[in-house]
C-alpha atoms as a PDB file:
ATOM      1  CA  MET A   1      -0.270  19.342  16.532  1.00  0.00           C
ATOM      2  CA  SER A   2       2.077  16.638  17.552  1.00  0.00           C
ATOM      3  CA  ILE A   3       3.906  14.680  14.883  1.00  0.00           C
ATOM      4  CA  ILE A   4       2.263  11.469  15.984  1.00  0.00           C
ATOM      5  CA  SER A   5      -1.225  13.020  16.077  1.00  0.00           C
ATOM      6  CA  LYS A   6      -0.698  14.231  12.553  1.00  0.00           C
ATOM      7  CA  ALA A   7       0.578  11.043  11.269  1.00  0.00           C
ATOM      8  CA  LEU A   8      -2.146   9.105  12.906  1.00  0.00           C
ATOM      9  CA  SER A   9      -4.827  11.274  11.449  1.00  0.00           C
ATOM     10  CA  GLU A  10      -3.789   9.687   8.063  1.00  0.00           C
ATOM     11  CA  TYR A  11      -3.890   6.167   9.325  1.00  0.00           C
ATOM     12  CA  GLY A  12      -5.357   3.830   6.567  1.00  0.00           C
ATOM     13  CA  VAL A  13      -4.669   6.044   3.622  1.00  0.00           C
ATOM     14  CA  LYS A  14      -4.137   3.569   0.792  1.00  0.00           C
ATOM     15  CA  GLU A  15      -2.813   3.461  -2.781  1.00  0.00           C
ATOM     16  CA  VAL A  16      -5.344   2.857  -5.465  1.00  0.00           C
ATOM     17  CA  ILE A  17      -4.486  -0.228  -7.627  1.00  0.00           C
ATOM     18  CA  GLY A  18      -4.201   0.500 -11.275  1.00  0.00           C
ATOM     19  CA  THR A  19      -4.100   3.738 -13.164  1.00  0.00           C
ATOM     20  CA  LYS A  20      -5.906   5.901 -10.667  1.00  0.00           C
ATOM     21  CA  ASP A  21      -4.103   7.553  -7.809  1.00  0.00           C
ATOM     22  CA  ASN A  22      -5.184   8.291  -4.273  1.00  0.00           C
ATOM     23  CA  GLN A  23      -5.485  12.057  -4.143  1.00  0.00           C
ATOM     24  CA  ARG A  24      -4.504  12.179  -0.638  1.00  0.00           C
ATOM     25  CA  ILE A  25      -1.015  10.614  -1.406  1.00  0.00           C
ATOM     26  CA  ILE A  26      -0.780  13.018  -4.464  1.00  0.00           C
ATOM     27  CA  LYS A  27      -1.265  15.895  -1.979  1.00  0.00           C
ATOM     28  CA  TYR A  28       1.615  14.706   0.186  1.00  0.00           C
ATOM     29  CA  PHE A  29       4.010  15.242  -2.797  1.00  0.00           C
ATOM     30  CA  ASP A  30       2.351  18.492  -3.816  1.00  0.00           C
ATOM     31  CA  GLN A  31       2.403  20.067  -0.341  1.00  0.00           C
ATOM     32  CA  ILE A  32       6.154  19.458   0.007  1.00  0.00           C
ATOM     33  CA  GLY A  33       7.024  21.032  -3.370  1.00  0.00           C
ATOM     34  CA  PHE A  34       6.846  17.941  -5.893  1.00  0.00           C
ATOM     35  CA  ASN A  35       4.227  17.427  -8.731  1.00  0.00           C
ATOM     36  CA  GLY A  36       2.320  14.752  -7.277  1.00  0.00           C
ATOM     37  CA  SER A  37       0.159  14.119 -10.467  1.00  0.00           C
ATOM     38  CA  LYS A  38       3.426  13.280 -12.293  1.00  0.00           C
ATOM     39  CA  LEU A  39       4.836  10.987  -9.542  1.00  0.00           C
ATOM     40  CA  LYS A  40       1.623   8.812  -8.976  1.00  0.00           C
ATOM     41  CA  ASP A  41       0.969   6.923  -5.880  1.00  0.00           C
ATOM     42  CA  GLU A  42       3.075   4.056  -7.009  1.00  0.00           C
ATOM     43  CA  THR A  43       6.152   6.148  -6.427  1.00  0.00           C
ATOM     44  CA  ALA A  44       7.949   5.187  -3.121  1.00  0.00           C
ATOM     45  CA  TRP A  45       6.040   7.676  -0.923  1.00  0.00           C
ATOM     46  CA  CYS A  46       7.400   6.864   2.722  1.00  0.00           C
ATOM     47  CA  SER A  47       9.692  10.110   2.656  1.00  0.00           C
ATOM     48  CA  ALA A  48       6.919  12.223   1.067  1.00  0.00           C
ATOM     49  CA  PHE A  49       4.599  11.172   3.937  1.00  0.00           C
ATOM     50  CA  ALA A  50       7.220  11.758   6.556  1.00  0.00           C
ATOM     51  CA  ASN A  51       7.919  15.339   5.040  1.00  0.00           C
ATOM     52  CA  TRP A  52       4.269  16.079   4.742  1.00  0.00           C
ATOM     53  CA  VAL A  53       3.653  15.076   8.488  1.00  0.00           C
ATOM     54  CA  ALA A  54       6.756  16.991   9.793  1.00  0.00           C
ATOM     55  CA  LYS A  55       5.952  20.174   7.695  1.00  0.00           C
ATOM     56  CA  THR A  56       2.408  20.376   8.374  1.00  0.00           C
ATOM     57  CA  ALA A  57       3.030  19.716  12.192  1.00  0.00           C
ATOM     58  CA  GLY A  58       5.602  22.497  12.112  1.00  0.00           C
ATOM     59  CA  TYR A  59       8.867  20.499  12.540  1.00  0.00           C
ATOM     60  CA  GLU A  60      12.015  20.392  10.377  1.00  0.00           C
ATOM     61  CA  TYR A  61      11.917  18.109   7.495  1.00  0.00           C
ATOM     62  CA  SER A  62      14.279  16.746   4.776  1.00  0.00           C
ATOM     63  CA  GLY A  63      12.370  18.011   1.782  1.00  0.00           C
ATOM     64  CA  LYS A  64      13.530  15.113  -0.281  1.00  0.00           C
ATOM     65  CA  LEU A  65      11.869  11.934  -1.554  1.00  0.00           C
ATOM     66  CA  ASN A  66      14.670   9.514  -0.572  1.00  0.00           C
ATOM     67  CA  ALA A  67      14.343   7.916   2.855  1.00  0.00           C
ATOM     68  CA  ARG A  68      18.045   8.350   3.679  1.00  0.00           C
ATOM     69  CA  SER A  69      17.655  12.006   3.327  1.00  0.00           C
ATOM     70  CA  TRP A  70      16.352  12.007   6.898  1.00  0.00           C
ATOM     71  CA  LEU A  71      19.893  10.988   8.185  1.00  0.00           C
ATOM     72  CA  THR A  72      20.857  14.750   7.794  1.00  0.00           C
ATOM     73  CA  VAL A  73      17.765  15.993   9.668  1.00  0.00           C
ATOM     74  CA  GLY A  74      17.181  16.313  13.476  1.00  0.00           C
ATOM     75  CA  GLN A  75      19.381  15.048  16.359  1.00  0.00           C
ATOM     76  CA  SER A  76      20.381  11.466  16.582  1.00  0.00           C
ATOM     77  CA  THR A  77      19.316   9.655  19.687  1.00  0.00           C
ATOM     78  CA  ASN A  78      19.846   6.161  21.191  1.00  0.00           C
ATOM     79  CA  GLN A  79      16.500   6.441  23.165  1.00  0.00           C
ATOM     80  CA  PRO A  80      13.731   7.257  20.670  1.00  0.00           C
ATOM     81  CA  SER A  81      10.271   8.329  21.878  1.00  0.00           C
ATOM     82  CA  VAL A  82       6.998   8.288  20.196  1.00  0.00           C
ATOM     83  CA  GLY A  83       7.066  10.312  17.156  1.00  0.00           C
ATOM     84  CA  ASP A  84      10.835  10.291  16.617  1.00  0.00           C
ATOM     85  CA  VAL A  85      11.929   9.519  13.074  1.00  0.00           C
ATOM     86  CA  VAL A  86      13.221   6.121  12.213  1.00  0.00           C
ATOM     87  CA  VAL A  87      15.490   5.558   9.238  1.00  0.00           C
ATOM     88  CA  LEU A  88      16.019   2.066   7.934  1.00  0.00           C
ATOM     89  CA  TRP A  89      18.186   0.456   5.216  1.00  0.00           C
ATOM     90  CA  ARG A  90      16.550  -1.672   2.450  1.00  0.00           C
ATOM     91  CA  GLU A  91      18.328  -4.366   0.515  1.00  0.00           C
ATOM     92  CA  ASN A  92      21.715  -3.873   2.155  1.00  0.00           C
ATOM     93  CA  PRO A  93      23.116  -1.264   4.758  1.00  0.00           C
ATOM     94  CA  LYS A  94      25.320   0.274   2.007  1.00  0.00           C
ATOM     95  CA  SER A  95      22.544   0.704  -0.617  1.00  0.00           C
ATOM     96  CA  TRP A  96      20.985   4.080  -1.281  1.00  0.00           C
ATOM     97  CA  LYS A  97      17.646   2.714  -0.547  1.00  0.00           C
ATOM     98  CA  GLY A  98      15.814   2.909   2.715  1.00  0.00           C
ATOM     99  CA  HIS A  99      12.587   3.425   4.529  1.00  0.00           C
ATOM    100  CA  VAL A 100      11.624   6.190   6.906  1.00  0.00           C
ATOM    101  CA  GLY A 101       8.615   6.539   9.420  1.00  0.00           C
ATOM    102  CA  PHE A 102       7.834   7.462  12.977  1.00  0.00           C
ATOM    103  CA  PHE A 103       8.659   5.575  16.071  1.00  0.00           C
ATOM    104  CA  ILE A 104       5.869   3.989  17.979  1.00  0.00           C
ATOM    105  CA  LYS A 105       7.544   1.479  20.268  1.00  0.00           C
ATOM    106  CA  GLN A 106      10.251  -1.236  20.425  1.00  0.00           C
ATOM    107  CA  THR A 107      10.622  -4.778  21.685  1.00  0.00           C
ATOM    108  CA  LYS A 108      13.984  -6.620  21.997  1.00  0.00           C
ATOM    109  CA  SER A 109      14.057  -7.446  18.329  1.00  0.00           C
ATOM    110  CA  TYR A 110      11.698  -5.104  16.558  1.00  0.00           C
ATOM    111  CA  VAL A 111      10.883  -1.395  16.112  1.00  0.00           C
ATOM    112  CA  TYR A 112       7.261  -0.488  15.556  1.00  0.00           C
ATOM    113  CA  ILE A 113       6.964   2.403  12.900  1.00  0.00           C
ATOM    114  CA  LEU A 114       4.016   4.401  11.869  1.00  0.00           C
ATOM    115  CA  GLY A 115       4.682   5.311   8.270  1.00  0.00           C
ATOM    116  CA  GLY A 116       3.502   5.781   4.806  1.00  0.00           C
ATOM    117  CA  ASN A 117       3.981   3.227   1.914  1.00  0.00           C
ATOM    118  CA  GLN A 118       4.003   0.383   4.511  1.00  0.00           C
ATOM    119  CA  ARG A 119       1.879  -2.484   2.782  1.00  0.00           C
ATOM    120  CA  ASN A 120       0.951   0.271   0.254  1.00  0.00           C
ATOM    121  CA  MET A 121      -0.804   2.366   3.053  1.00  0.00           C
ATOM    122  CA  VAL A 122      -0.170   4.527   6.135  1.00  0.00           C
ATOM    123  CA  CYS A 123      -0.076   1.954   8.949  1.00  0.00           C
ATOM    124  CA  ILE A 124       2.023   0.752  11.831  1.00  0.00           C
ATOM    125  CA  LYS A 125       4.298  -2.141  11.007  1.00  0.00           C
ATOM    126  CA  ALA A 126       7.206  -4.049  12.732  1.00  0.00           C
ATOM    127  CA  TYR A 127      10.742  -3.921  11.344  1.00  0.00           C
ATOM    128  CA  PRO A 128      13.799  -5.854  12.611  1.00  0.00           C
ATOM    129  CA  LYS A 129      15.938  -3.534  14.723  1.00  0.00           C
ATOM    130  CA  SER A 130      19.041  -4.641  12.793  1.00  0.00           C
ATOM    131  CA  ARG A 131      17.706  -2.506   9.875  1.00  0.00           C
ATOM    132  CA  VAL A 132      17.775   0.679  11.870  1.00  0.00           C
ATOM    133  CA  LEU A 133      20.314   3.259  10.602  1.00  0.00           C
ATOM    134  CA  ASP A 134      19.438   6.010  13.018  1.00  0.00           C
ATOM    135  CA  TYR A 135      16.687   7.464  15.174  1.00  0.00           C
ATOM    136  CA  LYS A 136      16.140  11.193  14.958  1.00  0.00           C
ATOM    137  CA  LYS A 137      14.583  13.840  17.246  1.00  0.00           C
ATOM    138  CA  LEU A 138      13.067  16.681  15.146  1.00  0.00           C
ATOM    139  CA  LYS A 139      13.126  20.334  16.200  1.00  0.00           C
ATOM    140  CA  GLN A 140       9.842  22.198  16.099  1.00  0.00           C
ATOM    141  CA  ILE A 141      10.157  25.251  13.790  1.00  0.00           C
ATOM    142  CA  SER A 142       6.678  26.790  13.944  1.00  0.00           C
ATOM    143  CA  ASN A 143       3.226  26.344  15.689  1.00  0.00           C
END
């Protein structure tokens, strides 16, 4: 299955407000080697989602929960295509904080990303291109 098909199959998965957790989000953590029931669905889960998508689709993945861990995975590209990883900075470019998701399209000023933990759900959202740290093409490691 392609990365983008796998990611789109989760479209609309949403955090549960309050003390309960969406078990689907907990599963993203569990299936990449973390204890989801300890982490809860309020934990920043964009990287957990990206890891789960890449791993279950048979591609290389970072295995870490911080978005910038994706800067060490895949091959950098200046010409991203649908399904490539997009790594963004958050707060400021030198901060350790970031966001990660999958490339859908771009306009002159915006990049459209399919990702987890965007408006507390899996959806497509536009981000200013000025926040992009890198675009990454992932290698397939299994079918």
